[in-house]
Amino acid sequence: MRNRNILWLLVFLLAGGTLWAEETRIPAKGYAVFSKEGSFQPYTFTRHAVGEEDILLDLLYCGICHTDLHFVRGDWGEEPYPMVPGHEMVGKVVRVGKKVKKFQVGDYAAVGCMVNSCGHCGMCQRGEEQYCETPGGRILSYAVPDTFHGNEITCGGYANNMVVSEKFAVKVPQDAPMEKIGPLMCAGITTYSPLKFTRVKKGDKVGVAGFGGLGHMAVQYAVAFGAEVTVFDVNESKRQDALAMGATKFVNVRNPEECQGLEHTFRVILSTIPAKYDPIFYVNMLQTDGELVIVGLPATENTPMLNTAALVILGRRHVCGSQIGGIAESQEMMDFSIKHGIYPHVEVIPVWKIDEAFEHLQNGTAKYRYVIDLKTLDQTPPKK
């Protein structure tokens, strides 16, 4: 009888071993903050089980976005702690659910700001999951209740792994420069999408306000689309980088003489500015029926105000905001970026330098994108 039971157990594991594995929560380790004033500390936790349509990624790299800083510091309101940030992830597929069709074990995938959505509302059906209309339907990568998994708080990519629906992962070729891929899922798609929906084309005059993590991606895409690009920033040290990336002009907005004569110049201006500023300054530079698209998100206390009277006086200039992009467009962006060699300028850091990177973000001395090498989770920090 005992031998028969062992035999049946072996048959069960061979026949249903995948299902058995999918019902097990996934151990994870990463770096978290435990309060808005706190520093990052090692943190162990678990992720929800690998479902039938999920994949498990061994994460390789994760970018550090200015949004991470805002979340960690509670700049947009009260947040849940402990918090594992990170929404610019890339990794290797090490397990797939039994209904997964898009990925196989050994593939590489990137994950961005969303890990799920309702899938059935009008916006989801249009492939714009970032604007999911169902309350609680769009699930961000971290610091929100996951309504599809018992309202557990999502944990992001400052960690060694990620479990995500295959529908919210983007395919990455295995020969891609993996350390540069993660930021494409936020800085990349956030700037690619508005340049696409404003139909930027060859010969258009395009302005990019702010030349940081988002702005330097916007310049590369706009140049690739054939536009004539002008960069606006307050940091003179970025002038040569902007020109090297293909911008035809750099305007230091702290020098009034450089801003003269730009009225009615641009068909599209993309504002990536994460600080307080006057949007009308840029609206005034638009052509009639030109578009100012705002993608930068300052802290609540620094949110710019829009002078509606000035909008009326200036006439038909359009102002709108834009969030990331849907998954199909994110895949399009990824393919376009790799084909044209458009990548973020990155500085790869170990996990124990996250606090230092956040400090640079806070005081404005960060240059483009920090990317965490997640292999360093298994290394011992050097003694101070």
Protein backbone atom coordinates (compact mmCIF):
# COMPACT_ATOMS: atom_id res chain seq x y z
CA MET A 1 0.00 0.00 0.00
CA ARG A 2 2.79 2.40 0.88
CA ASN A 3 4.51 1.75 -2.48
CA ARG A 4 1.22 2.29 -4.28
CA ASN A 5 0.72 5.65 -2.52
CA ILE A 6 4.21 6.73 -3.47
CA LEU A 7 3.52 5.68 -7.06
CA TRP A 8 0.29 7.69 -7.17
CA LEU A 9 2.10 10.70 -5.68
CA LEU A 10 4.73 10.48 -8.40
CA VAL A 11 2.05 10.23 -11.09
CA PHE A 12 0.26 13.26 -9.61
CA LEU A 13 3.42 15.36 -9.52
CA LEU A 14 4.36 14.40 -13.07
CA ALA A 15 0.87 15.07 -14.42
CA GLY A 16 0.01 18.11 -12.32
CA GLY A 17 3.33 19.42 -11.13
CA THR A 18 2.89 22.68 -13.02
CA LEU A 19 -0.46 23.31 -11.39
CA TRP A 20 1.03 22.50 -7.99
CA ALA A 21 3.86 25.01 -8.59
CA GLU A 22 1.44 27.68 -9.78
CA GLU A 23 -0.44 27.53 -6.47
CA THR A 24 2.68 28.37 -4.46
CA ARG A 25 3.56 31.95 -3.51
CA ILE A 26 6.91 33.14 -4.83
CA PRO A 27 9.62 34.16 -2.33
CA ALA A 28 11.27 37.47 -3.23
CA LYS A 29 13.93 39.79 -1.89
CA GLY A 30 14.58 43.39 -2.66
CA TYR A 31 15.09 46.84 -1.18
CA ALA A 32 12.26 48.76 0.50
CA VAL A 33 11.59 51.95 2.42
CA PHE A 34 9.56 51.73 5.60
CA SER A 35 8.56 55.41 5.88
CA LYS A 36 8.73 58.51 3.72
CA GLU A 37 11.69 59.76 5.75
CA GLY A 38 13.45 56.40 5.74
CA SER A 39 16.33 54.97 3.77
CA PHE A 40 16.30 51.81 1.69
CA GLN A 41 16.82 48.52 3.51
CA PRO A 42 16.99 44.86 2.44
CA TYR A 43 13.50 43.34 2.49
CA THR A 44 12.12 39.84 2.01
CA PHE A 45 8.52 39.26 0.95
CA THR A 46 6.42 37.00 -1.28
CA ARG A 47 4.62 37.56 -4.57
CA HIS A 48 1.37 36.00 -5.66
CA ALA A 49 1.55 32.58 -7.26
CA VAL A 50 2.26 32.13 -10.96
CA GLY A 51 -1.20 31.89 -12.50
CA GLU A 52 -2.20 30.19 -15.72
CA GLU A 53 -1.51 33.33 -17.79
CA ASP A 54 1.43 34.63 -15.73
CA ILE A 55 5.17 34.55 -16.17
CA LEU A 56 7.89 34.61 -13.52
CA LEU A 57 10.88 36.81 -14.30
CA ASP A 58 14.32 36.73 -12.77
CA LEU A 59 14.95 40.46 -12.83
CA LEU A 60 18.28 41.73 -14.14
CA TYR A 61 17.96 45.52 -14.02
CA CYS A 62 15.49 48.16 -12.87
CA GLY A 63 15.60 51.86 -13.68
CA ILE A 64 15.07 54.58 -11.07
CA CYS A 65 12.40 57.06 -12.16
CA HIS A 66 11.57 60.47 -10.65
CA THR A 67 8.12 59.00 -9.98
CA ASP A 68 9.76 56.53 -7.59
CA LEU A 69 11.06 59.47 -5.60
CA HIS A 70 7.60 61.07 -5.46
CA PHE A 71 6.01 57.82 -4.26
CA VAL A 72 8.68 57.12 -1.66
CA ARG A 73 8.53 60.65 -0.23
CA GLY A 74 4.71 60.81 -0.27
CA ASP A 75 4.73 63.82 -2.60
CA TRP A 76 1.33 62.92 -4.03
CA GLY A 77 -0.37 61.83 -0.82
CA GLU A 78 -0.23 59.09 1.79
CA GLU A 79 1.40 55.88 0.58
CA PRO A 80 1.61 52.31 1.96
CA TYR A 81 4.84 51.15 3.60
CA PRO A 82 6.97 49.11 3.42
CA MET A 83 7.32 50.03 -0.26
CA VAL A 84 9.35 48.30 -2.95
CA PRO A 85 9.40 50.77 -5.86
CA GLY A 86 10.45 50.20 -9.46
CA HIS A 87 8.54 50.20 -12.76
CA GLU A 88 11.34 49.98 -15.33
CA MET A 89 12.14 46.27 -15.20
CA VAL A 90 13.78 43.76 -17.49
CA GLY A 91 14.47 40.12 -16.80
CA LYS A 92 14.59 36.54 -17.98
CA VAL A 93 11.54 34.28 -18.05
CA VAL A 94 12.10 31.31 -15.73
CA ARG A 95 8.55 29.97 -15.40
CA VAL A 96 5.35 30.24 -17.43
CA GLY A 97 1.72 29.44 -16.59
CA LYS A 98 0.11 26.61 -18.53
CA LYS A 99 -1.95 28.98 -20.73
CA VAL A 100 0.90 31.35 -21.59
CA LYS A 101 1.44 31.67 -25.34
CA LYS A 102 3.53 34.83 -25.72
CA PHE A 103 6.64 33.70 -23.82
CA GLN A 104 8.76 30.62 -23.27
CA VAL A 105 11.26 29.89 -20.53
CA GLY A 106 14.52 31.56 -21.52
CA ASP A 107 12.90 34.56 -23.23
CA TYR A 108 13.56 38.10 -22.06
CA ALA A 109 10.80 40.52 -21.12
CA ALA A 110 10.33 44.06 -19.85
CA VAL A 111 7.64 45.32 -17.45
CA GLY A 112 6.61 48.91 -16.92
CA CYS A 113 4.18 50.95 -14.87
CA MET A 114 1.21 48.54 -15.08
CA VAL A 115 0.85 44.87 -14.26
CA ASN A 116 -2.87 44.43 -14.97
CA SER A 117 -6.13 46.09 -16.01
CA CYS A 118 -9.78 45.10 -16.30
CA GLY A 119 -9.40 44.13 -19.96
CA HIS A 120 -13.01 44.80 -20.91
CA CYS A 121 -13.72 48.55 -20.63
CA GLY A 122 -13.66 50.78 -23.69
CA MET A 123 -10.10 51.98 -23.18
CA CYS A 124 -8.74 48.48 -22.53
CA GLN A 125 -10.48 47.25 -25.65
CA ARG A 126 -8.77 50.06 -27.58
CA GLY A 127 -5.39 48.90 -26.32
CA GLU A 128 -4.95 51.87 -23.99
CA GLU A 129 -4.87 50.04 -20.69
CA GLN A 130 -3.18 53.03 -19.04
CA TYR A 131 -6.59 54.73 -19.11
CA CYS A 132 -8.60 51.75 -17.82
CA GLU A 133 -12.06 53.06 -16.87
CA THR A 134 -12.95 50.41 -14.30
CA PRO A 135 -12.42 51.52 -10.68
CA GLY A 136 -9.50 49.52 -9.32
CA GLY A 137 -9.03 47.96 -12.75
CA ARG A 138 -5.63 49.37 -13.62
CA ILE A 139 -2.99 47.91 -11.33
CA LEU A 140 0.27 49.82 -11.00
CA SER A 141 3.52 47.97 -10.52
CA TYR A 142 3.89 49.00 -6.89
CA ALA A 143 2.23 50.64 -3.87
CA VAL A 144 -1.40 49.94 -4.87
CA PRO A 145 -3.93 47.25 -3.91
CA ASP A 146 -4.02 44.47 -6.48
CA THR A 147 -7.74 43.80 -6.89
CA PHE A 148 -6.98 40.66 -8.89
CA HIS A 149 -4.99 39.11 -6.01
CA GLY A 150 -6.84 39.77 -2.78
CA ASN A 151 -5.94 43.48 -2.63
CA GLU A 152 -2.37 42.73 -1.62
CA ILE A 153 -0.11 45.75 -2.11
CA THR A 154 1.97 45.47 -5.26
CA CYS A 155 5.76 45.45 -5.02
CA GLY A 156 7.93 46.75 -7.83
CA GLY A 157 11.21 46.01 -9.50
CA TYR A 158 13.81 46.89 -6.87
CA ALA A 159 13.83 43.14 -6.31
CA ASN A 160 15.08 39.86 -7.66
CA ASN A 161 11.91 38.70 -9.41
CA MET A 162 8.46 39.66 -10.70
CA VAL A 163 5.25 37.74 -11.36
CA VAL A 164 3.13 39.37 -14.04
CA SER A 165 0.43 38.57 -16.57
CA GLU A 166 1.95 37.83 -19.96
CA LYS A 167 -0.37 40.51 -21.36
CA PHE A 168 1.56 43.19 -19.45
CA ALA A 169 5.06 42.11 -20.42
CA VAL A 170 6.88 43.28 -23.54
CA LYS A 171 9.15 40.99 -25.54
CA VAL A 172 12.85 41.88 -25.67
CA PRO A 173 15.45 40.29 -27.99
CA GLN A 174 18.10 38.35 -26.10
CA ASP A 175 20.91 40.38 -27.68
CA ALA A 176 19.50 43.75 -26.55
CA PRO A 177 21.58 45.87 -24.11
CA MET A 178 19.61 44.79 -21.05
CA GLU A 179 20.93 47.53 -18.76
CA LYS A 180 19.28 50.11 -21.06
CA ILE A 181 15.96 48.35 -21.64
CA GLY A 182 14.07 48.98 -18.37
CA PRO A 183 13.82 52.78 -18.69
CA LEU A 184 12.21 52.38 -22.10
CA MET A 185 9.14 51.08 -20.24
CA CYS A 186 8.60 54.48 -18.63
CA ALA A 187 10.85 57.23 -19.98
CA GLY A 188 10.63 55.66 -23.42
CA ILE A 189 6.92 55.06 -23.81
CA THR A 190 5.96 58.24 -21.92
CA THR A 191 7.63 60.34 -24.61
CA TYR A 192 7.12 58.06 -27.63
CA SER A 193 3.34 57.91 -27.21
CA PRO A 194 2.57 61.68 -27.35
CA LEU A 195 4.93 62.17 -30.28
CA LYS A 196 2.92 59.47 -32.06
CA PHE A 197 -0.57 60.78 -31.24
CA THR A 198 0.42 64.32 -32.22
CA ARG A 199 1.66 62.82 -35.51
CA VAL A 200 5.10 64.35 -35.39
CA LYS A 201 6.69 64.00 -38.81
CA LYS A 202 9.61 65.11 -40.93
CA GLY A 203 10.05 68.88 -40.94
CA ASP A 204 7.90 69.59 -37.86
CA LYS A 205 9.31 72.03 -35.34
CA VAL A 206 9.17 70.30 -31.95
CA GLY A 207 10.16 71.64 -28.54
CA VAL A 208 11.22 69.48 -25.58
CA ALA A 209 10.98 71.27 -22.23
CA GLY A 210 13.21 69.62 -19.65
CA PHE A 211 16.21 67.52 -20.64
CA GLY A 212 16.41 64.80 -18.03
CA GLY A 213 15.33 61.17 -17.95
CA LEU A 214 12.23 61.80 -20.06
CA GLY A 215 13.48 64.72 -22.11
CA HIS A 216 16.57 63.04 -23.51
CA MET A 217 14.38 60.18 -24.77
CA ALA A 218 11.90 62.63 -26.34
CA VAL A 219 14.71 64.30 -28.27
CA GLN A 220 15.94 61.00 -29.69
CA TYR A 221 12.47 59.92 -30.81
CA ALA A 222 11.54 63.30 -32.30
CA VAL A 223 14.80 63.41 -34.24
CA ALA A 224 14.18 59.85 -35.49
CA PHE A 225 10.74 60.99 -36.70
CA GLY A 226 12.44 63.71 -38.73
CA ALA A 227 11.53 66.71 -36.58
CA GLU A 228 13.59 69.83 -36.01
CA VAL A 229 14.03 69.78 -32.24
CA THR A 230 14.69 72.60 -29.77
CA VAL A 231 15.51 71.73 -26.16
CA PHE A 232 14.60 73.98 -23.21
CA ASP A 233 16.37 73.52 -19.89
CA VAL A 234 17.91 75.45 -17.00
CA ASN A 235 21.14 73.45 -16.85
CA GLU A 236 23.82 74.81 -19.16
CA SER A 237 25.90 71.65 -18.77
CA LYS A 238 23.33 69.75 -20.84
CA ARG A 239 23.71 71.91 -23.96
CA GLN A 240 26.32 69.78 -25.71
CA ASP A 241 24.52 66.52 -24.90
CA ALA A 242 21.29 67.85 -26.41
CA LEU A 243 23.03 68.91 -29.59
CA ALA A 244 24.91 65.61 -29.77
CA MET A 245 21.58 63.75 -29.65
CA GLY A 246 20.36 65.64 -32.69
CA ALA A 247 18.68 68.77 -31.32
CA THR A 248 19.16 71.76 -33.61
CA LYS A 249 18.98 74.27 -30.77
CA PHE A 250 19.34 74.45 -26.99
CA VAL A 251 17.65 77.26 -25.07
CA ASN A 252 18.71 78.03 -21.52
CA VAL A 253 15.47 79.50 -20.16
CA ARG A 254 17.42 81.40 -17.50
CA ASN A 255 18.88 83.52 -20.27
CA PRO A 256 16.01 85.77 -21.49
CA GLU A 257 17.81 86.70 -24.70
CA GLU A 258 17.81 83.05 -25.81
CA CYS A 259 14.02 82.91 -25.48
CA GLN A 260 13.33 85.90 -27.71
CA GLY A 261 11.77 85.45 -31.12
CA LEU A 262 10.32 82.00 -30.45
CA GLU A 263 6.63 82.99 -30.42
CA HIS A 264 4.42 81.00 -32.85
CA THR A 265 7.31 78.65 -33.68
CA PHE A 266 6.42 75.08 -32.67
CA ARG A 267 3.74 72.66 -33.79
CA VAL A 268 4.34 70.44 -30.73
CA ILE A 269 6.05 71.05 -27.40
CA LEU A 270 6.49 68.16 -24.96
CA SER A 271 6.90 69.27 -21.35
CA THR A 272 8.77 66.78 -19.19
CA ILE A 273 9.46 69.30 -16.40
CA PRO A 274 9.12 67.77 -12.88
CA ALA A 275 9.15 71.14 -11.08
CA LYS A 276 7.03 74.29 -10.84
CA TYR A 277 6.94 76.41 -14.01
CA ASP A 278 4.56 78.54 -16.10
CA PRO A 279 2.97 76.47 -18.92
CA ILE A 280 1.89 79.66 -20.71
CA PHE A 281 5.58 80.38 -21.32
CA TYR A 282 5.50 77.42 -23.71
CA VAL A 283 1.93 77.86 -24.99
CA ASN A 284 3.04 81.27 -26.28
CA MET A 285 5.62 79.52 -28.48
CA LEU A 286 3.06 77.30 -30.21
CA GLN A 287 1.77 77.85 -33.69
CA THR A 288 -1.99 78.26 -34.07
CA ASP A 289 -3.47 74.80 -33.41
CA GLY A 290 -0.14 73.73 -31.95
CA GLU A 291 -0.09 71.32 -29.00
CA LEU A 292 1.56 71.45 -25.59
CA VAL A 293 1.61 67.91 -24.17
CA ILE A 294 2.45 67.67 -20.47
CA VAL A 295 4.05 64.45 -19.23
CA GLY A 296 6.15 65.72 -16.31
CA LEU A 297 4.59 65.26 -12.86
CA PRO A 298 5.88 67.57 -10.11
CA ALA A 299 5.09 67.07 -6.44
CA THR A 300 1.58 68.23 -5.52
CA GLU A 301 2.91 71.34 -3.77
CA ASN A 302 4.74 72.33 -6.98
CA THR A 303 1.93 71.68 -9.44
CA PRO A 304 1.88 74.47 -12.06
CA MET A 305 -1.25 76.55 -12.55
CA LEU A 306 -2.64 77.28 -16.02
CA ASN A 307 -3.81 80.83 -16.78
CA THR A 308 -7.06 80.22 -18.67
CA ALA A 309 -7.41 83.90 -19.59
CA ALA A 310 -4.06 83.70 -21.36
CA LEU A 311 -5.31 80.65 -23.27
CA VAL A 312 -8.29 82.64 -24.54
CA ILE A 313 -6.13 85.60 -25.53
CA LEU A 314 -3.54 83.45 -27.28
CA GLY A 315 -6.20 81.65 -29.29
CA ARG A 316 -6.26 78.11 -30.58
CA ARG A 317 -3.37 76.51 -28.75
CA HIS A 318 -4.07 73.07 -27.34
CA VAL A 319 -2.90 71.80 -23.93
CA CYS A 320 -3.26 68.20 -22.82
CA GLY A 321 -1.61 65.60 -20.62
CA SER A 322 -0.47 62.09 -21.44
CA GLN A 323 0.35 58.96 -19.47
CA ILE A 324 2.72 56.22 -20.66
CA GLY A 325 1.05 54.09 -23.38
CA GLY A 326 -0.79 50.82 -23.80
CA ILE A 327 0.95 47.47 -24.02
CA ALA A 328 0.69 47.17 -27.80
CA GLU A 329 2.19 50.64 -28.21
CA SER A 330 4.87 49.78 -25.65
CA GLN A 331 5.87 46.79 -27.77
CA GLU A 332 5.92 49.05 -30.83
CA MET A 333 8.12 51.52 -28.95
CA MET A 334 10.47 48.74 -27.84
CA ASP A 335 10.84 47.41 -31.38
CA PHE A 336 11.37 50.92 -32.78
CA SER A 337 13.95 51.77 -30.12
CA ILE A 338 15.98 48.64 -30.72
CA LYS A 339 15.79 48.98 -34.51
CA HIS A 340 17.02 52.58 -34.41
CA GLY A 341 19.43 52.22 -31.48
CA ILE A 342 17.49 54.66 -29.29
CA TYR A 343 18.34 54.05 -25.64
CA PRO A 344 18.55 56.02 -22.41
CA HIS A 345 21.89 57.24 -21.16
CA VAL A 346 22.32 55.25 -17.98
CA GLU A 347 24.55 54.92 -14.96
CA VAL A 348 24.40 51.39 -13.55
CA ILE A 349 24.59 51.26 -9.76
CA PRO A 350 24.50 48.55 -7.05
CA VAL A 351 21.46 48.33 -4.78
CA TRP A 352 23.27 49.91 -1.85
CA LYS A 353 23.55 53.18 -3.82
CA ILE A 354 19.79 53.69 -4.24
CA ASP A 355 19.65 56.32 -1.48
CA GLU A 356 22.49 58.22 -3.11
CA ALA A 357 20.70 58.13 -6.46
CA PHE A 358 17.51 59.42 -4.85
CA GLU A 359 19.48 62.29 -3.31
CA HIS A 360 20.74 63.28 -6.76
CA LEU A 361 17.19 63.12 -8.12
CA GLN A 362 15.96 65.28 -5.27
CA ASN A 363 18.54 68.04 -5.73
CA GLY A 364 18.51 67.98 -9.52
CA THR A 365 22.04 66.68 -10.05
CA ALA A 366 20.99 63.34 -11.60
CA LYS A 367 21.93 62.99 -15.25
CA TYR A 368 19.37 61.02 -17.21
CA ARG A 369 18.78 57.51 -15.74
CA TYR A 370 20.15 55.49 -12.85
CA VAL A 371 19.71 51.75 -13.33
CA ILE A 372 20.03 49.20 -10.53
CA ASP A 373 22.06 46.07 -11.22
CA LEU A 374 19.94 43.52 -9.38
CA LYS A 375 22.71 40.92 -9.28
CA THR A 376 24.11 43.05 -6.46
CA LEU A 377 21.25 41.90 -4.23
CA ASP A 378 23.43 38.85 -3.57
CA GLN A 379 26.57 40.86 -2.87
CA THR A 380 27.83 42.35 0.36
CA PRO A 381 27.96 46.16 0.39
CA PRO A 382 31.47 47.53 0.92
CA LYS A 383 32.23 48.76 4.41
CA LYS A 384 31.97 52.51 4.86
